[in-house]
PDB file of N, CA and C in Angstrom:
ATOM      1  N   MET A   1     -64.676-124.578 164.292  1.00  0.00           N
ATOM      2  CA  MET A   1     -66.073-124.810 164.583  1.00  0.00           C
ATOM      3  C   MET A   1     -66.294-126.202 165.163  1.00  0.00           C
ATOM      4  N   LYS A   2     -65.587-127.188 164.630  1.00  0.00           N
ATOM      5  CA  LYS A   2     -65.774-128.548 165.115  1.00  0.00           C
ATOM      6  C   LYS A   2     -65.395-128.662 166.588  1.00  0.00           C
ATOM      7  N   SER A   3     -64.340-127.966 167.006  1.00  0.00           N
ATOM      8  CA  SER A   3     -63.949-128.040 168.417  1.00  0.00           C
ATOM      9  C   SER A   3     -65.023-127.417 169.308  1.00  0.00           C
ATOM     10  N   ASN A   4     -65.638-126.318 168.865  1.00  0.00           N
ATOM     11  CA  ASN A   4     -66.716-125.703 169.634  1.00  0.00           C
ATOM     12  C   ASN A   4     -67.888-126.666 169.771  1.00  0.00           C
ATOM     13  N   PHE A   5     -68.218-127.355 168.677  1.00  0.00           N
ATOM     14  CA  PHE A   5     -69.299-128.332 168.696  1.00  0.00           C
ATOM     15  C   PHE A   5     -68.971-129.464 169.672  1.00  0.00           C
ATOM     16  N   GLU A   6     -67.747-129.957 169.620  1.00  0.00           N
ATOM     17  CA  GLU A   6     -67.349-131.072 170.483  1.00  0.00           C
ATOM     18  C   GLU A   6     -67.319-130.672 171.958  1.00  0.00           C
ATOM     19  N   ILE A   7     -66.876-129.474 172.250  1.00  0.00           N
ATOM     20  CA  ILE A   7     -66.893-129.000 173.637  1.00  0.00           C
ATOM     21  C   ILE A   7     -68.337-128.868 174.106  1.00  0.00           C
ATOM     22  N   GLY A   8     -69.186-128.291 173.270  1.00  0.00           N
ATOM     23  CA  GLY A   8     -70.612-128.183 173.609  1.00  0.00           C
ATOM     24  C   GLY A   8     -71.246-129.544 173.812  1.00  0.00           C
ATOM     25  N   ARG A   9     -70.894-130.501 172.962  1.00  0.00           N
ATOM     26  CA  ARG A   9     -71.421-131.867 173.072  1.00  0.00           C
ATOM     27  C   ARG A   9     -70.987-132.490 174.397  1.00  0.00           C
ATOM     28  N   HIS A  10     -69.741-132.302 174.746  1.00  0.00           N
ATOM     29  CA  HIS A  10     -69.247-132.852 176.010  1.00  0.00           C
ATOM     30  C   HIS A  10     -70.010-132.257 177.200  1.00  0.00           C
ATOM     31  N   ILE A  11     -70.226-130.969 177.162  1.00  0.00           N
ATOM     32  CA  ILE A  11     -70.949-130.316 178.259  1.00  0.00           C
ATOM     33  C   ILE A  11     -72.350-130.899 178.401  1.00  0.00           C
ATOM     34  N   VAL A  12     -73.069-130.989 177.283  1.00  0.00           N
ATOM     35  CA  VAL A  12     -74.456-131.469 177.335  1.00  0.00           C
ATOM     36  C   VAL A  12     -74.519-132.958 177.652  1.00  0.00           C
ATOM     37  N   GLU A  13     -73.751-133.769 176.947  1.00  0.00           N
ATOM     38  CA  GLU A  13     -73.879-135.216 177.089  1.00  0.00           C
ATOM     39  C   GLU A  13     -73.259-135.768 178.366  1.00  0.00           C
ATOM     40  N   TYR A  14     -72.136-135.225 178.785  1.00  0.00           N
ATOM     41  CA  TYR A  14     -71.438-135.782 179.940  1.00  0.00           C
ATOM     42  C   TYR A  14     -71.654-134.975 181.214  1.00  0.00           C
ATOM     43  N   GLU A  15     -71.462-133.680 181.132  1.00  0.00           N
ATOM     44  CA  GLU A  15     -71.585-132.853 182.327  1.00  0.00           C
ATOM     45  C   GLU A  15     -73.049-132.684 182.738  1.00  0.00           C
ATOM     46  N   GLN A  16     -73.951-132.584 181.762  1.00  0.00           N
ATOM     47  CA  GLN A  16     -75.374-132.376 182.040  1.00  0.00           C
ATOM     48  C   GLN A  16     -76.180-133.657 181.860  1.00  0.00           C
ATOM     49  N   GLU A  17     -75.512-134.750 181.586  1.00  0.00           N
ATOM     50  CA  GLU A  17     -76.139-136.058 181.411  1.00  0.00           C
ATOM     51  C   GLU A  17     -77.285-136.031 180.401  1.00  0.00           C
ATOM     52  N   GLY A  18     -77.069-135.330 179.283  1.00  0.00           N
ATOM     53  CA  GLY A  18     -78.028-135.294 178.192  1.00  0.00           C
ATOM     54  C   GLY A  18     -79.164-134.295 178.357  1.00  0.00           C
ATOM     55  N   GLN A  19     -79.255-133.658 179.488  1.00  0.00           N
ATOM     56  CA  GLN A  19     -80.309-132.672 179.726  1.00  0.00           C
ATOM     57  C   GLN A  19     -79.895-131.332 179.122  1.00  0.00           C
ATOM     58  N   GLU A  20     -80.884-130.502 178.783  1.00  0.00           N
ATOM     59  CA  GLU A  20     -80.547-129.188 178.236  1.00  0.00           C
ATOM     60  C   GLU A  20     -79.956-128.273 179.301  1.00  0.00           C
ATOM     61  N   ARG A  21     -80.235-128.569 180.555  1.00  0.00           N
ATOM     62  CA  ARG A  21     -79.684-127.780 181.665  1.00  0.00           C
ATOM     63  C   ARG A  21     -79.187-128.717 182.756  1.00  0.00           C
ATOM     64  N   ALA A  22     -78.117-128.319 183.384  1.00  0.00           N
ATOM     65  CA  ALA A  22     -77.591-129.095 184.512  1.00  0.00           C
ATOM     66  C   ALA A  22     -78.400-128.762 185.763  1.00  0.00           C
ATOM     67  N   GLU A  23     -78.547-129.717 186.643  1.00  0.00           N
ATOM     68  CA  GLU A  23     -79.287-129.477 187.880  1.00  0.00           C
ATOM     69  C   GLU A  23     -78.612-128.424 188.742  1.00  0.00           C
ATOM     70  N   TYR A  24     -77.302-128.350 188.687  1.00  0.00           N
ATOM     71  CA  TYR A  24     -76.584-127.410 189.536  1.00  0.00           C
ATOM     72  C   TYR A  24     -76.348-126.074 188.847  1.00  0.00           C
ATOM     73  N   GLY A  25     -77.084-125.817 187.775  1.00  0.00           N
ATOM     74  CA  GLY A  25     -77.152-124.493 187.158  1.00  0.00           C
ATOM     75  C   GLY A  25     -75.880-123.966 186.539  1.00  0.00           C
ATOM     76  N   SER A  26     -75.760-122.652 186.550  1.00  0.00           N
ATOM     77  CA  SER A  26     -74.681-121.983 185.840  1.00  0.00           C
ATOM     78  C   SER A  26     -73.320-122.152 186.512  1.00  0.00           C
ATOM     79  N   ASP A  27     -73.284-122.690 187.715  1.00  0.00           N
ATOM     80  CA  ASP A  27     -71.987-122.948 188.353  1.00  0.00           C
ATOM     81  C   ASP A  27     -71.139-123.872 187.494  1.00  0.00           C
ATOM     82  N   LEU A  28     -71.782-124.805 186.814  1.00  0.00           N
ATOM     83  CA  LEU A  28     -71.066-125.734 185.933  1.00  0.00           C
ATOM     84  C   LEU A  28     -70.250-124.976 184.896  1.00  0.00           C
ATOM     85  N   LEU A  29     -70.858-123.995 184.250  1.00  0.00           N
ATOM     86  CA  LEU A  29     -70.166-123.249 183.195  1.00  0.00           C
ATOM     87  C   LEU A  29     -68.998-122.447 183.766  1.00  0.00           C
ATOM     88  N   ALA A  30     -69.169-121.876 184.930  1.00  0.00           N
ATOM     89  CA  ALA A  30     -68.085-121.116 185.558  1.00  0.00           C
ATOM     90  C   ALA A  30     -66.923-122.031 185.925  1.00  0.00           C
ATOM     91  N   ILE A  31     -67.230-123.203 186.447  1.00  0.00           N
ATOM     92  CA  ILE A  31     -66.185-124.165 186.828  1.00  0.00           C
ATOM     93  C   ILE A  31     -65.452-124.668 185.588  1.00  0.00           C
ATOM     94  N   LEU A  32     -66.206-125.033 184.545  1.00  0.00           N
ATOM     95  CA  LEU A  32     -65.580-125.503 183.302  1.00  0.00           C
ATOM     96  C   LEU A  32     -64.715-124.410 182.683  1.00  0.00           C
ATOM     97  N   SER A  33     -65.220-123.188 182.689  1.00  0.00           N
ATOM     98  CA  SER A  33     -64.468-122.064 182.137  1.00  0.00           C
ATOM     99  C   SER A  33     -63.136-121.903 182.856  1.00  0.00           C
ATOM    100  N   LYS A  34     -63.166-121.926 184.166  1.00  0.00           N
ATOM    101  CA  LYS A  34     -61.936-121.770 184.944  1.00  0.00           C
ATOM    102  C   LYS A  34     -60.958-122.907 184.653  1.00  0.00           C
ATOM    103  N   ASP A  35     -61.461-124.141 184.652  1.00  0.00           N
ATOM    104  CA  ASP A  35     -60.599-125.296 184.386  1.00  0.00           C
ATOM    105  C   ASP A  35     -59.976-125.243 182.992  1.00  0.00           C
ATOM    106  N   LEU A  36     -60.784-124.911 181.982  1.00  0.00           N
ATOM    107  CA  LEU A  36     -60.280-124.871 180.611  1.00  0.00           C
ATOM    108  C   LEU A  36     -59.289-123.723 180.410  1.00  0.00           C
ATOM    109  N   ARG A  37     -59.542-122.572 181.024  1.00  0.00           N
ATOM    110  CA  ARG A  37     -58.598-121.452 180.909  1.00  0.00           C
ATOM    111  C   ARG A  37     -57.259-121.788 181.550  1.00  0.00           C
ATOM    112  N   LEU A  38     -57.305-122.467 182.699  1.00  0.00           N
ATOM    113  CA  LEU A  38     -56.055-122.863 183.353  1.00  0.00           C
ATOM    114  C   LEU A  38     -55.281-123.865 182.500  1.00  0.00           C
ATOM    115  N   ARG A  39     -56.015-124.740 181.850  1.00  0.00           N
ATOM    116  CA  ARG A  39     -55.371-125.798 181.066  1.00  0.00           C
ATOM    117  C   ARG A  39     -54.933-125.340 179.676  1.00  0.00           C
ATOM    118  N   PHE A  40     -55.788-124.528 179.004  1.00  0.00           N
ATOM    119  CA  PHE A  40     -55.533-124.189 177.597  1.00  0.00           C
ATOM    120  C   PHE A  40     -55.338-122.701 177.327  1.00  0.00           C
ATOM    121  N   GLY A  41     -55.599-121.831 178.286  1.00  0.00           N
ATOM    122  CA  GLY A  41     -55.402-120.397 178.082  1.00  0.00           C
ATOM    123  C   GLY A  41     -56.660-119.677 177.621  1.00  0.00           C
ATOM    124  N   LYS A  42     -56.447-118.598 176.881  1.00  0.00           N
ATOM    125  CA  LYS A  42     -57.536-117.725 176.429  1.00  0.00           C
ATOM    126  C   LYS A  42     -58.574-118.466 175.582  1.00  0.00           C
ATOM    127  N   GLY A  43     -59.750-117.852 175.496  1.00  0.00           N
ATOM    128  CA  GLY A  43     -60.794-118.371 174.622  1.00  0.00           C
ATOM    129  C   GLY A  43     -61.813-119.254 175.317  1.00  0.00           C
ATOM    130  N   PHE A  44     -61.664-119.428 176.617  1.00  0.00           N
ATOM    131  CA  PHE A  44     -62.581-120.305 177.340  1.00  0.00           C
ATOM    132  C   PHE A  44     -63.268-119.573 178.492  1.00  0.00           C
ATOM    133  N   GLY A  45     -63.621-118.318 178.237  1.00  0.00           N
ATOM    134  CA  GLY A  45     -64.389-117.571 179.228  1.00  0.00           C
ATOM    135  C   GLY A  45     -65.782-118.173 179.377  1.00  0.00           C
ATOM    136  N   ARG A  46     -66.473-117.825 180.447  1.00  0.00           N
ATOM    137  CA  ARG A  46     -67.800-118.371 180.711  1.00  0.00           C
ATOM    138  C   ARG A  46     -68.734-118.134 179.531  1.00  0.00           C
ATOM    139  N   ARG A  47     -68.669-116.948 178.958  1.00  0.00           N
ATOM    140  CA  ARG A  47     -69.540-116.601 177.824  1.00  0.00           C
ATOM    141  C   ARG A  47     -69.249-117.509 176.622  1.00  0.00           C
ATOM    142  N   ASN A  48     -67.987-117.759 176.335  1.00  0.00           N
ATOM    143  CA  ASN A  48     -67.626-118.643 175.223  1.00  0.00           C
ATOM    144  C   ASN A  48     -68.101-120.070 175.476  1.00  0.00           C
ATOM    145  N   ILE A  49     -67.969-120.535 176.713  1.00  0.00           N
ATOM    146  CA  ILE A  49     -68.430-121.880 177.060  1.00  0.00           C
ATOM    147  C   ILE A  49     -69.943-121.965 176.861  1.00  0.00           C
ATOM    148  N   LEU A  50     -70.655-120.936 177.288  1.00  0.00           N
ATOM    149  CA  LEU A  50     -72.105-120.885 177.102  1.00  0.00           C
ATOM    150  C   LEU A  50     -72.457-120.929 175.614  1.00  0.00           C
ATOM    151  N   ASP A  51     -71.720-120.174 174.802  1.00  0.00           N
ATOM    152  CA  ASP A  51     -71.966-120.170 173.353  1.00  0.00           C
ATOM    153  C   ASP A  51     -71.670-121.533 172.718  1.00  0.00           C
ATOM    154  N   MET A  52     -70.642-122.215 173.178  1.00  0.00           N
ATOM    155  CA  MET A  52     -70.316-123.554 172.659  1.00  0.00           C
ATOM    156  C   MET A  52     -71.439-124.537 172.973  1.00  0.00           C
ATOM    157  N   ARG A  53     -71.969-124.448 174.171  1.00  0.00           N
ATOM    158  CA  ARG A  53     -73.082-125.300 174.584  1.00  0.00           C
ATOM    159  C   ARG A  53     -74.319-125.022 173.729  1.00  0.00           C
ATOM    160  N   ARG A  54     -74.608-123.735 173.533  1.00  0.00           N
ATOM    161  CA  ARG A  54     -75.757-123.347 172.692  1.00  0.00           C
ATOM    162  C   ARG A  54     -75.564-123.809 171.252  1.00  0.00           C
ATOM    163  N   PHE A  55     -74.356-123.660 170.739  1.00  0.00           N
ATOM    164  CA  PHE A  55     -74.054-124.082 169.374  1.00  0.00           C
ATOM    165  C   PHE A  55     -74.361-125.564 169.207  1.00  0.00           C
ATOM    166  N   TYR A  56     -73.926-126.372 170.152  1.00  0.00           N
ATOM    167  CA  TYR A  56     -74.200-127.811 170.079  1.00  0.00           C
ATOM    168  C   TYR A  56     -75.702-128.081 170.100  1.00  0.00           C
ATOM    169  N   LEU A  57     -76.417-127.441 171.027  1.00  0.00           N
ATOM    170  CA  LEU A  57     -77.856-127.694 171.147  1.00  0.00           C
ATOM    171  C   LEU A  57     -78.603-127.319 169.869  1.00  0.00           C
ATOM    172  N   VAL A  58     -78.267-126.193 169.263  1.00  0.00           N
ATOM    173  CA  VAL A  58     -78.942-125.753 168.044  1.00  0.00           C
ATOM    174  C   VAL A  58     -78.529-126.608 166.849  1.00  0.00           C
ATOM    175  N   TYR A  59     -77.246-126.826 166.675  1.00  0.00           N
ATOM    176  CA  TYR A  59     -76.760-127.571 165.520  1.00  0.00           C
ATOM    177  C   TYR A  59     -77.202-129.032 165.576  1.00  0.00           C
ATOM    178  N   GLN A  60     -77.246-129.600 166.760  1.00  0.00           N
ATOM    179  CA  GLN A  60     -77.692-130.983 166.937  1.00  0.00           C
ATOM    180  C   GLN A  60     -79.131-131.127 166.445  1.00  0.00           C
ATOM    181  N   LYS A  61     -79.989-130.180 166.801  1.00  0.00           N
ATOM    182  CA  LYS A  61     -81.392-130.225 166.365  1.00  0.00           C
ATOM    183  C   LYS A  61     -81.495-129.992 164.858  1.00  0.00           C
ATOM    184  N   TRP A  62     -80.647-129.097 164.333  1.00  0.00           N
ATOM    185  CA  TRP A  62     -80.664-128.805 162.908  1.00  0.00           C
ATOM    186  C   TRP A  62     -80.259-130.029 162.095  1.00  0.00           C
ATOM    187  N   GLN A  63     -79.273-130.785 162.581  1.00  0.00           N
ATOM    188  CA  GLN A  63     -78.826-131.984 161.893  1.00  0.00           C
ATOM    189  C   GLN A  63     -79.902-133.059 161.844  1.00  0.00           C
ATOM    190  N   ALA A  64     -80.762-133.078 162.840  1.00  0.00           N
ATOM    191  CA  ALA A  64     -81.803-134.100 162.934  1.00  0.00           C
ATOM    192  C   ALA A  64     -82.926-133.878 161.926  1.00  0.00           C
ATOM    193  N   VAL A  65     -83.035-132.670 161.371  1.00  0.00           N
ATOM    194  CA  VAL A  65     -84.088-132.356 160.408  1.00  0.00           C
ATOM    195  C   VAL A  65     -83.638-132.849 159.032  1.00  0.00           C
ATOM    196  N   PRO A  66     -84.402-133.749 158.414  1.00  0.00           N
ATOM    197  CA  PRO A  66     -83.989-134.250 157.096  1.00  0.00           C
ATOM    198  C   PRO A  66     -84.070-133.149 156.036  1.00  0.00           C
ATOM    199  N   ALA A  67     -83.130-133.168 155.134  1.00  0.00           N
ATOM    200  CA  ALA A  67     -83.114-132.192 154.043  1.00  0.00           C
ATOM    201  C   ALA A  67     -84.258-132.476 153.082  1.00  0.00           C
ATOM    202  N   LYS A  68     -84.860-131.422 152.542  1.00  0.00           N
ATOM    203  CA  LYS A  68     -85.935-131.577 151.562  1.00  0.00           C
ATOM    204  C   LYS A  68     -85.354-132.046 150.242  1.00  0.00           C
ATOM    205  N   LEU A  69     -85.978-132.993 149.655  1.00  0.00           N
ATOM    206  CA  LEU A  69     -85.539-133.464 148.346  1.00  0.00           C
ATOM    207  C   LEU A  69     -86.185-132.639 147.258  1.00  0.00           C
ATOM    208  N   SER A  70     -85.441-132.284 146.262  1.00  0.00           N
ATOM    209  CA  SER A  70     -85.971-131.471 145.162  1.00  0.00           C
ATOM    210  C   SER A  70     -86.729-132.330 144.186  1.00  0.00           C
TER     211      SER A  70
END
């Protein structure tokens, strides 16, 4: 799970410059998917890359919410 979060973080913070969406759209995910599959093999299809990005965006917001004290 941590690797998925870190890949998602890299996509949002570096590839998309902190924006929720890249200006050049979904081409980014297809390019990253191809590069990662060539470098690391299976598990880096476009859909998985999209899910990693979503995981980071959701979990990042969830972490920012302070826990309720009992």
